[in-house]
PDB file of N, CA and C in Angstrom:
ATOM      1  N   MET A   1     155.749 106.870 133.386  1.00  0.00           N
ATOM      2  CA  MET A   1     155.699 106.397 131.947  1.00  0.00           C
ATOM      3  C   MET A   1     155.661 107.621 131.025  1.00  0.00           C
ATOM      4  N   ALA A   2     156.385 107.532 130.043  1.00  0.00           N
ATOM      5  CA  ALA A   2     156.409 108.736 129.078  1.00  0.00           C
ATOM      6  C   ALA A   2     155.256 108.458 128.003  1.00  0.00           C
ATOM      7  N   THR A   3     154.513 109.451 127.677  1.00  0.00           N
ATOM      8  CA  THR A   3     153.560 109.298 126.700  1.00  0.00           C
ATOM      9  C   THR A   3     154.059 109.559 125.273  1.00  0.00           C
ATOM     10  N   LYS A   4     153.622 108.836 124.289  1.00  0.00           N
ATOM     11  CA  LYS A   4     154.119 108.969 122.947  1.00  0.00           C
ATOM     12  C   LYS A   4     153.455 110.283 122.323  1.00  0.00           C
ATOM     13  N   PRO A   5     154.327 111.054 121.639  1.00  0.00           N
ATOM     14  CA  PRO A   5     153.815 112.258 121.023  1.00  0.00           C
ATOM     15  C   PRO A   5     152.852 111.864 119.893  1.00  0.00           C
ATOM     16  N   LYS A   6     151.858 112.603 119.638  1.00  0.00           N
ATOM     17  CA  LYS A   6     150.837 112.331 118.562  1.00  0.00           C
ATOM     18  C   LYS A   6     151.600 112.367 117.225  1.00  0.00           C
ATOM     19  N   LYS A   7     151.329 111.406 116.386  1.00  0.00           N
ATOM     20  CA  LYS A   7     151.931 111.497 115.012  1.00  0.00           C
ATOM     21  C   LYS A   7     151.227 112.504 114.186  1.00  0.00           C
ATOM     22  N   SER A   8     151.862 113.421 113.646  1.00  0.00           N
ATOM     23  CA  SER A   8     151.185 114.495 112.940  1.00  0.00           C
ATOM     24  C   SER A   8     151.012 113.964 111.446  1.00  0.00           C
ATOM     25  N   THR A   9     149.886 114.385 110.850  1.00  0.00           N
ATOM     26  CA  THR A   9     149.580 113.980 109.590  1.00  0.00           C
ATOM     27  C   THR A   9     150.512 114.772 108.583  1.00  0.00           C
ATOM     28  N   ARG A  10     150.874 114.195 107.513  1.00  0.00           N
ATOM     29  CA  ARG A  10     151.784 114.667 106.610  1.00  0.00           C
ATOM     30  C   ARG A  10     151.117 115.699 105.707  1.00  0.00           C
ATOM     31  N   LYS A  11     151.670 116.877 105.574  1.00  0.00           N
ATOM     32  CA  LYS A  11     151.107 117.873 104.776  1.00  0.00           C
ATOM     33  C   LYS A  11     151.552 117.820 103.401  1.00  0.00           C
ATOM     34  N   PRO A  12     150.623 117.955 102.333  1.00  0.00           N
ATOM     35  CA  PRO A  12     151.103 117.807 101.051  1.00  0.00           C
ATOM     36  C   PRO A  12     152.009 119.038 100.655  1.00  0.00           C
ATOM     37  N   ASN A  13     153.014 118.659  99.692  1.00  0.00           N
ATOM     38  CA  ASN A  13     153.871 119.721  99.256  1.00  0.00           C
ATOM     39  C   ASN A  13     153.100 120.744  98.355  1.00  0.00           C
ATOM     40  N   ALA A  14     153.257 121.957  98.686  1.00  0.00           N
ATOM     41  CA  ALA A  14     152.525 123.018  97.983  1.00  0.00           C
ATOM     42  C   ALA A  14     152.807 122.972  96.518  1.00  0.00           C
ATOM     43  N   ALA A  15     154.057 122.615  96.161  1.00  0.00           N
ATOM     44  CA  ALA A  15     154.436 122.726  94.647  1.00  0.00           C
ATOM     45  C   ALA A  15     153.695 121.685  93.874  1.00  0.00           C
ATOM     46  N   PHE A  16     153.389 120.490  94.535  1.00  0.00           N
ATOM     47  CA  PHE A  16     152.615 119.449  93.814  1.00  0.00           C
ATOM     48  C   PHE A  16     151.230 119.706  93.699  1.00  0.00           C
ATOM     49  N   MET A  17     150.644 120.555  94.654  1.00  0.00           N
ATOM     50  CA  MET A  17     149.265 120.782  94.737  1.00  0.00           C
ATOM     51  C   MET A  17     148.815 121.975  93.901  1.00  0.00           C
ATOM     52  N   LYS A  18     149.837 122.803  93.475  1.00  0.00           N
ATOM     53  CA  LYS A  18     149.686 123.921  92.508  1.00  0.00           C
ATOM     54  C   LYS A  18     149.103 123.409  91.185  1.00  0.00           C
ATOM     55  N   PRO A  19     147.926 124.016  90.659  1.00  0.00           N
ATOM     56  CA  PRO A  19     147.457 123.440  89.421  1.00  0.00           C
ATOM     57  C   PRO A  19     148.373 123.752  88.264  1.00  0.00           C
ATOM     58  N   VAL A  20     148.491 122.904  87.354  1.00  0.00           N
ATOM     59  CA  VAL A  20     149.221 123.033  86.080  1.00  0.00           C
ATOM     60  C   VAL A  20     148.345 122.780  84.971  1.00  0.00           C
ATOM     61  N   THR A  21     148.572 123.417  83.795  1.00  0.00           N
ATOM     62  CA  THR A  21     147.755 123.276  82.634  1.00  0.00           C
ATOM     63  C   THR A  21     148.390 122.476  81.591  1.00  0.00           C
ATOM     64  N   PRO A  22     147.796 121.277  81.174  1.00  0.00           N
ATOM     65  CA  PRO A  22     148.458 120.444  80.198  1.00  0.00           C
ATOM     66  C   PRO A  22     148.345 121.123  78.814  1.00  0.00           C
ATOM     67  N   ASP A  23     149.333 120.887  77.974  1.00  0.00           N
ATOM     68  CA  ASP A  23     149.312 121.382  76.580  1.00  0.00           C
ATOM     69  C   ASP A  23     148.276 120.472  75.744  1.00  0.00           C
ATOM     70  N   ALA A  24     148.242 120.801  74.446  1.00  0.00           N
ATOM     71  CA  ALA A  24     147.300 120.119  73.651  1.00  0.00           C
ATOM     72  C   ALA A  24     147.558 118.597  73.476  1.00  0.00           C
ATOM     73  N   LEU A  25     148.919 118.205  73.423  1.00  0.00           N
ATOM     74  CA  LEU A  25     149.289 116.815  73.274  1.00  0.00           C
ATOM     75  C   LEU A  25     148.942 116.064  74.559  1.00  0.00           C
ATOM     76  N   LEU A  26     149.146 116.638  75.700  1.00  0.00           N
ATOM     77  CA  LEU A  26     148.840 115.984  76.943  1.00  0.00           C
ATOM     78  C   LEU A  26     147.450 115.932  77.295  1.00  0.00           C
ATOM     79  N   ALA A  27     146.714 117.028  76.844  1.00  0.00           N
ATOM     80  CA  ALA A  27     145.279 117.158  77.073  1.00  0.00           C
ATOM     81  C   ALA A  27     144.496 116.094  76.426  1.00  0.00           C
ATOM     82  N   VAL A  28     145.067 115.388  75.401  1.00  0.00           N
ATOM     83  CA  VAL A  28     144.334 114.244  74.747  1.00  0.00           C
ATOM     84  C   VAL A  28     144.199 113.060  75.758  1.00  0.00           C
ATOM     85  N   ILE A  29     145.176 112.979  76.659  1.00  0.00           N
ATOM     86  CA  ILE A  29     145.124 111.865  77.683  1.00  0.00           C
ATOM     87  C   ILE A  29     144.452 112.321  78.944  1.00  0.00           C
ATOM     88  N   VAL A  30     144.828 113.444  79.516  1.00  0.00           N
ATOM     89  CA  VAL A  30     144.359 113.728  80.915  1.00  0.00           C
ATOM     90  C   VAL A  30     143.278 114.872  80.887  1.00  0.00           C
ATOM     91  N   GLY A  31     142.927 115.522  79.753  1.00  0.00           N
ATOM     92  CA  GLY A  31     142.025 116.510  79.766  1.00  0.00           C
ATOM     93  C   GLY A  31     142.695 117.865  79.725  1.00  0.00           C
ATOM     94  N   SER A  32     141.928 119.020  79.434  1.00  0.00           N
ATOM     95  CA  SER A  32     142.571 120.229  79.275  1.00  0.00           C
ATOM     96  C   SER A  32     142.440 121.145  80.499  1.00  0.00           C
ATOM     97  N   LYS A  33     141.657 120.782  81.453  1.00  0.00           N
ATOM     98  CA  LYS A  33     141.473 121.562  82.663  1.00  0.00           C
ATOM     99  C   LYS A  33     142.782 121.639  83.542  1.00  0.00           C
ATOM    100  N   PRO A  34     143.030 122.711  84.215  1.00  0.00           N
ATOM    101  CA  PRO A  34     144.175 122.733  85.069  1.00  0.00           C
ATOM    102  C   PRO A  34     143.906 121.759  86.346  1.00  0.00           C
ATOM    103  N   LEU A  35     145.002 121.090  86.688  1.00  0.00           N
ATOM    104  CA  LEU A  35     144.980 120.166  87.776  1.00  0.00           C
ATOM    105  C   LEU A  35     146.309 119.960  88.447  1.00  0.00           C
ATOM    106  N   PRO A  36     146.276 119.585  89.737  1.00  0.00           N
ATOM    107  CA  PRO A  36     147.612 119.476  90.486  1.00  0.00           C
ATOM    108  C   PRO A  36     148.396 118.283  89.877  1.00  0.00           C
ATOM    109  N   ARG A  37     149.727 118.385  90.002  1.00  0.00           N
ATOM    110  CA  ARG A  37     150.663 117.411  89.399  1.00  0.00           C
ATOM    111  C   ARG A  37     150.190 116.033  89.840  1.00  0.00           C
ATOM    112  N   THR A  38     149.797 115.871  91.097  1.00  0.00           N
ATOM    113  CA  THR A  38     149.433 114.552  91.701  1.00  0.00           C
ATOM    114  C   THR A  38     148.299 113.968  90.905  1.00  0.00           C
ATOM    115  N   GLU A  39     147.300 114.769  90.614  1.00  0.00           N
ATOM    116  CA  GLU A  39     146.123 114.332  89.821  1.00  0.00           C
ATOM    117  C   GLU A  39     146.481 113.869  88.457  1.00  0.00           C
ATOM    118  N   LEU A  40     147.432 114.740  87.912  1.00  0.00           N
ATOM    119  CA  LEU A  40     147.742 114.565  86.436  1.00  0.00           C
ATOM    120  C   LEU A  40     148.514 113.198  86.431  1.00  0.00           C
ATOM    121  N   THR A  41     149.416 112.852  87.267  1.00  0.00           N
ATOM    122  CA  THR A  41     150.016 111.612  87.425  1.00  0.00           C
ATOM    123  C   THR A  41     149.125 110.462  87.495  1.00  0.00           C
ATOM    124  N   LYS A  42     148.096 110.585  88.388  1.00  0.00           N
ATOM    125  CA  LYS A  42     147.091 109.599  88.597  1.00  0.00           C
ATOM    126  C   LYS A  42     146.319 109.299  87.286  1.00  0.00           C
ATOM    127  N   LYS A  43     145.825 110.397  86.600  1.00  0.00           N
ATOM    128  CA  LYS A  43     145.118 110.192  85.355  1.00  0.00           C
ATOM    129  C   LYS A  43     145.964 109.510  84.282  1.00  0.00           C
ATOM    130  N   LEU A  44     147.264 109.865  84.255  1.00  0.00           N
ATOM    131  CA  LEU A  44     148.260 109.297  83.363  1.00  0.00           C
ATOM    132  C   LEU A  44     148.323 107.729  83.557  1.00  0.00           C
ATOM    133  N   TRP A  45     148.330 107.359  84.907  1.00  0.00           N
ATOM    134  CA  TRP A  45     148.453 105.883  85.147  1.00  0.00           C
ATOM    135  C   TRP A  45     147.162 105.173  85.004  1.00  0.00           C
ATOM    136  N   VAL A  46     146.011 105.837  85.124  1.00  0.00           N
ATOM    137  CA  VAL A  46     144.759 105.262  84.746  1.00  0.00           C
ATOM    138  C   VAL A  46     144.667 104.958  83.320  1.00  0.00           C
ATOM    139  N   TYR A  47     145.143 105.856  82.383  1.00  0.00           N
ATOM    140  CA  TYR A  47     145.253 105.753  81.013  1.00  0.00           C
ATOM    141  C   TYR A  47     146.142 104.620  80.579  1.00  0.00           C
ATOM    142  N   ILE A  48     147.314 104.474  81.212  1.00  0.00           N
ATOM    143  CA  ILE A  48     148.347 103.513  80.873  1.00  0.00           C
ATOM    144  C   ILE A  48     147.722 102.102  81.155  1.00  0.00           C
ATOM    145  N   LYS A  49     147.170 101.973  82.533  1.00  0.00           N
ATOM    146  CA  LYS A  49     146.666 100.693  82.893  1.00  0.00           C
ATOM    147  C   LYS A  49     145.325 100.281  82.096  1.00  0.00           C
ATOM    148  N   LYS A  50     144.556 101.220  81.759  1.00  0.00           N
ATOM    149  CA  LYS A  50     143.271 100.981  81.050  1.00  0.00           C
ATOM    150  C   LYS A  50     143.718 100.428  79.602  1.00  0.00           C
ATOM    151  N   ASN A  51     144.716 101.024  78.958  1.00  0.00           N
ATOM    152  CA  ASN A  51     145.067 100.626  77.552  1.00  0.00           C
ATOM    153  C   ASN A  51     146.250  99.534  77.567  1.00  0.00           C
ATOM    154  N   LYS A  52     146.475  99.024  78.798  1.00  0.00           N
ATOM    155  CA  LYS A  52     147.446  97.911  79.022  1.00  0.00           C
ATOM    156  C   LYS A  52     148.733  98.271  78.304  1.00  0.00           C
ATOM    157  N   LEU A  53     149.414  99.439  78.722  1.00  0.00           N
ATOM    158  CA  LEU A  53     150.570  99.930  78.154  1.00  0.00           C
ATOM    159  C   LEU A  53     151.793  99.729  79.144  1.00  0.00           C
ATOM    160  N   GLN A  54     151.559  99.192  80.208  1.00  0.00           N
ATOM    161  CA  GLN A  54     152.634  98.865  81.230  1.00  0.00           C
ATOM    162  C   GLN A  54     153.293  97.544  80.709  1.00  0.00           C
ATOM    163  N   GLY A  55     154.661  97.516  80.784  1.00  0.00           N
ATOM    164  CA  GLY A  55     155.380  96.371  80.373  1.00  0.00           C
ATOM    165  C   GLY A  55     154.987  95.088  81.092  1.00  0.00           C
ATOM    166  N   GLU A  56     154.852  93.961  80.385  1.00  0.00           N
ATOM    167  CA  GLU A  56     154.541  92.707  80.971  1.00  0.00           C
ATOM    168  C   GLU A  56     155.511  92.147  82.043  1.00  0.00           C
ATOM    169  N   LYS A  57     156.800  92.097  81.697  1.00  0.00           N
ATOM    170  CA  LYS A  57     157.838  91.586  82.475  1.00  0.00           C
ATOM    171  C   LYS A  57     158.469  92.771  83.371  1.00  0.00           C
ATOM    172  N   VAL A  58     158.728  93.718  82.646  1.00  0.00           N
ATOM    173  CA  VAL A  58     159.379  94.922  83.415  1.00  0.00           C
ATOM    174  C   VAL A  58     158.302  96.024  83.717  1.00  0.00           C
ATOM    175  N   LYS A  59     157.671  96.042  84.874  1.00  0.00           N
ATOM    176  CA  LYS A  59     156.541  96.828  85.207  1.00  0.00           C
ATOM    177  C   LYS A  59     156.830  98.368  85.312  1.00  0.00           C
ATOM    178  N   THR A  60     158.179  98.693  85.314  1.00  0.00           N
ATOM    179  CA  THR A  60     158.587 100.061  85.263  1.00  0.00           C
ATOM    180  C   THR A  60     158.641 100.633  83.867  1.00  0.00           C
ATOM    181  N   GLU A  61     158.257  99.825  82.830  1.00  0.00           N
ATOM    182  CA  GLU A  61     158.504 100.137  81.416  1.00  0.00           C
ATOM    183  C   GLU A  61     156.994 100.497  80.918  1.00  0.00           C
ATOM    184  N   ILE A  62     156.974 101.632  80.153  1.00  0.00           N
ATOM    185  CA  ILE A  62     155.739 102.106  79.528  1.00  0.00           C
ATOM    186  C   ILE A  62     155.882 102.075  78.004  1.00  0.00           C
ATOM    187  N   ASN A  63     154.963 101.277  77.473  1.00  0.00           N
ATOM    188  CA  ASN A  63     154.913 101.170  75.952  1.00  0.00           C
ATOM    189  C   ASN A  63     153.970 102.151  75.489  1.00  0.00           C
ATOM    190  N   ALA A  64     154.507 103.051  74.634  1.00  0.00           N
ATOM    191  CA  ALA A  64     153.690 104.278  74.211  1.00  0.00           C
ATOM    192  C   ALA A  64     152.770 103.820  73.061  1.00  0.00           C
ATOM    193  N   ASP A  65     151.430 104.305  73.099  1.00  0.00           N
ATOM    194  CA  ASP A  65     150.560 104.257  72.033  1.00  0.00           C
ATOM    195  C   ASP A  65     150.696 105.500  71.135  1.00  0.00           C
ATOM    196  N   ALA A  66     149.949 105.863  70.195  1.00  0.00           N
ATOM    197  CA  ALA A  66     150.053 107.026  69.352  1.00  0.00           C
ATOM    198  C   ALA A  66     150.063 108.378  70.225  1.00  0.00           C
ATOM    199  N   ALA A  67     149.129 108.370  71.103  1.00  0.00           N
ATOM    200  CA  ALA A  67     148.939 109.584  72.002  1.00  0.00           C
ATOM    201  C   ALA A  67     150.126 109.837  72.892  1.00  0.00           C
ATOM    202  N   LEU A  68     150.486 108.736  73.512  1.00  0.00           N
ATOM    203  CA  LEU A  68     151.658 108.886  74.436  1.00  0.00           C
ATOM    204  C   LEU A  68     152.974 109.068  73.637  1.00  0.00           C
ATOM    205  N   LYS A  69     153.103 108.487  72.479  1.00  0.00           N
ATOM    206  CA  LYS A  69     154.343 108.642  71.799  1.00  0.00           C
ATOM    207  C   LYS A  69     154.532 110.236  71.467  1.00  0.00           C
ATOM    208  N   ALA A  70     153.487 111.025  71.152  1.00  0.00           N
ATOM    209  CA  ALA A  70     153.591 112.390  70.994  1.00  0.00           C
ATOM    210  C   ALA A  70     154.078 113.096  72.202  1.00  0.00           C
ATOM    211  N   VAL A  71     153.598 112.702  73.303  1.00  0.00           N
ATOM    212  CA  VAL A  71     154.086 113.217  74.591  1.00  0.00           C
ATOM    213  C   VAL A  71     155.504 112.844  74.901  1.00  0.00           C
ATOM    214  N   PHE A  72     155.939 111.581  74.538  1.00  0.00           N
ATOM    215  CA  PHE A  72     157.266 111.141  74.918  1.00  0.00           C
ATOM    216  C   PHE A  72     158.211 111.539  73.893  1.00  0.00           C
ATOM    217  N   GLY A  73     157.934 112.422  72.934  1.00  0.00           N
ATOM    218  CA  GLY A  73     158.863 112.917  71.944  1.00  0.00           C
ATOM    219  C   GLY A  73     159.313 111.793  70.919  1.00  0.00           C
ATOM    220  N   GLY A  74     158.287 110.984  70.554  1.00  0.00           N
ATOM    221  CA  GLY A  74     158.494 109.939  69.554  1.00  0.00           C
ATOM    222  C   GLY A  74     159.057 108.594  70.055  1.00  0.00           C
ATOM    223  N   LYS A  75     159.333 108.517  71.335  1.00  0.00           N
ATOM    224  CA  LYS A  75     159.840 107.260  71.876  1.00  0.00           C
ATOM    225  C   LYS A  75     158.742 106.221  72.093  1.00  0.00           C
ATOM    226  N   ALA A  76     159.088 104.991  71.704  1.00  0.00           N
ATOM    227  CA  ALA A  76     158.073 103.968  71.772  1.00  0.00           C
ATOM    228  C   ALA A  76     158.079 103.288  73.204  1.00  0.00           C
ATOM    229  N   LYS A  77     159.219 103.436  73.927  1.00  0.00           N
ATOM    230  CA  LYS A  77     159.315 102.802  75.319  1.00  0.00           C
ATOM    231  C   LYS A  77     159.982 103.786  76.124  1.00  0.00           C
ATOM    232  N   VAL A  78     159.476 104.009  77.294  1.00  0.00           N
ATOM    233  CA  VAL A  78     160.272 104.806  78.333  1.00  0.00           C
ATOM    234  C   VAL A  78     159.959 104.169  79.668  1.00  0.00           C
ATOM    235  N   SER A  79     160.947 104.498  80.671  1.00  0.00           N
ATOM    236  CA  SER A  79     160.749 104.012  82.025  1.00  0.00           C
ATOM    237  C   SER A  79     159.855 104.952  82.741  1.00  0.00           C
ATOM    238  N   MET A  80     159.142 104.543  83.757  1.00  0.00           N
ATOM    239  CA  MET A  80     158.200 105.362  84.477  1.00  0.00           C
ATOM    240  C   MET A  80     158.899 106.605  85.073  1.00  0.00           C
ATOM    241  N   PHE A  81     160.130 106.517  85.343  1.00  0.00           N
ATOM    242  CA  PHE A  81     160.966 107.676  85.910  1.00  0.00           C
ATOM    243  C   PHE A  81     161.139 108.715  84.803  1.00  0.00           C
ATOM    244  N   GLU A  82     161.469 108.161  83.650  1.00  0.00           N
ATOM    245  CA  GLU A  82     161.744 109.044  82.545  1.00  0.00           C
ATOM    246  C   GLU A  82     160.430 109.683  82.028  1.00  0.00           C
ATOM    247  N   MET A  83     159.315 109.051  82.233  1.00  0.00           N
ATOM    248  CA  MET A  83     158.023 109.550  81.870  1.00  0.00           C
ATOM    249  C   MET A  83     157.717 110.854  82.536  1.00  0.00           C
ATOM    250  N   THR A  84     157.856 110.949  83.904  1.00  0.00           N
ATOM    251  CA  THR A  84     157.654 112.122  84.568  1.00  0.00           C
ATOM    252  C   THR A  84     158.409 113.423  84.113  1.00  0.00           C
ATOM    253  N   LYS A  85     159.711 113.130  83.731  1.00  0.00           N
ATOM    254  CA  LYS A  85     160.504 114.144  83.125  1.00  0.00           C
ATOM    255  C   LYS A  85     159.912 114.568  81.782  1.00  0.00           C
ATOM    256  N   LEU A  86     159.510 113.658  80.978  1.00  0.00           N
ATOM    257  CA  LEU A  86     158.995 114.033  79.590  1.00  0.00           C
ATOM    258  C   LEU A  86     157.660 114.693  79.759  1.00  0.00           C
ATOM    259  N   VAL A  87     156.806 114.264  80.677  1.00  0.00           N
ATOM    260  CA  VAL A  87     155.408 114.843  80.847  1.00  0.00           C
ATOM    261  C   VAL A  87     155.582 116.174  81.397  1.00  0.00           C
ATOM    262  N   SER A  88     156.607 116.558  82.173  1.00  0.00           N
ATOM    263  CA  SER A  88     156.737 117.917  82.733  1.00  0.00           C
ATOM    264  C   SER A  88     156.980 118.939  81.648  1.00  0.00           C
ATOM    265  N   LYS A  89     157.539 118.575  80.460  1.00  0.00           N
ATOM    266  CA  LYS A  89     157.734 119.479  79.381  1.00  0.00           C
ATOM    267  C   LYS A  89     156.431 119.902  78.794  1.00  0.00           C
ATOM    268  N   HIS A  90     155.410 119.191  79.065  1.00  0.00           N
ATOM    269  CA  HIS A  90     154.055 119.411  78.517  1.00  0.00           C
ATOM    270  C   HIS A  90     152.986 120.173  79.348  1.00  0.00           C
ATOM    271  N   VAL A  91     153.490 120.722  80.447  1.00  0.00           N
ATOM    272  CA  VAL A  91     152.625 121.400  81.363  1.00  0.00           C
ATOM    273  C   VAL A  91     153.026 122.858  81.530  1.00  0.00           C
ATOM    274  N   LYS A  92     152.056 123.722  81.821  1.00  0.00           N
ATOM    275  CA  LYS A  92     152.337 125.100  82.113  1.00  0.00           C
ATOM    276  C   LYS A  92     151.899 125.430  83.536  1.00  0.00           C
ATOM    277  N   ALA A  93     152.742 126.002  84.342  1.00  0.00           N
ATOM    278  CA  ALA A  93     152.335 126.309  85.631  1.00  0.00           C
ATOM    279  C   ALA A  93     151.476 127.500  85.790  1.00  0.00           C
TER     280      ALA A  93
END
């Protein structure tokens, strides 16, 4: 009988774990301390869910409040995929 090789645990991508510093507009939502992109995204989603900004019918849609509108370049609605692109403009490596 052949033995199964042990499944290795996935290593996190170093690029995602490297701390980034949010600018003043994004710091209003996630804080001003440097944090990894993964944590930044988690904090962003906590903010979106806490303030009920996720679309009712289309869950991939984010309805911006005043703070998010500044980060989204004035857009009132963005998709969650577009959100990551817009947020990346507000971080410094």
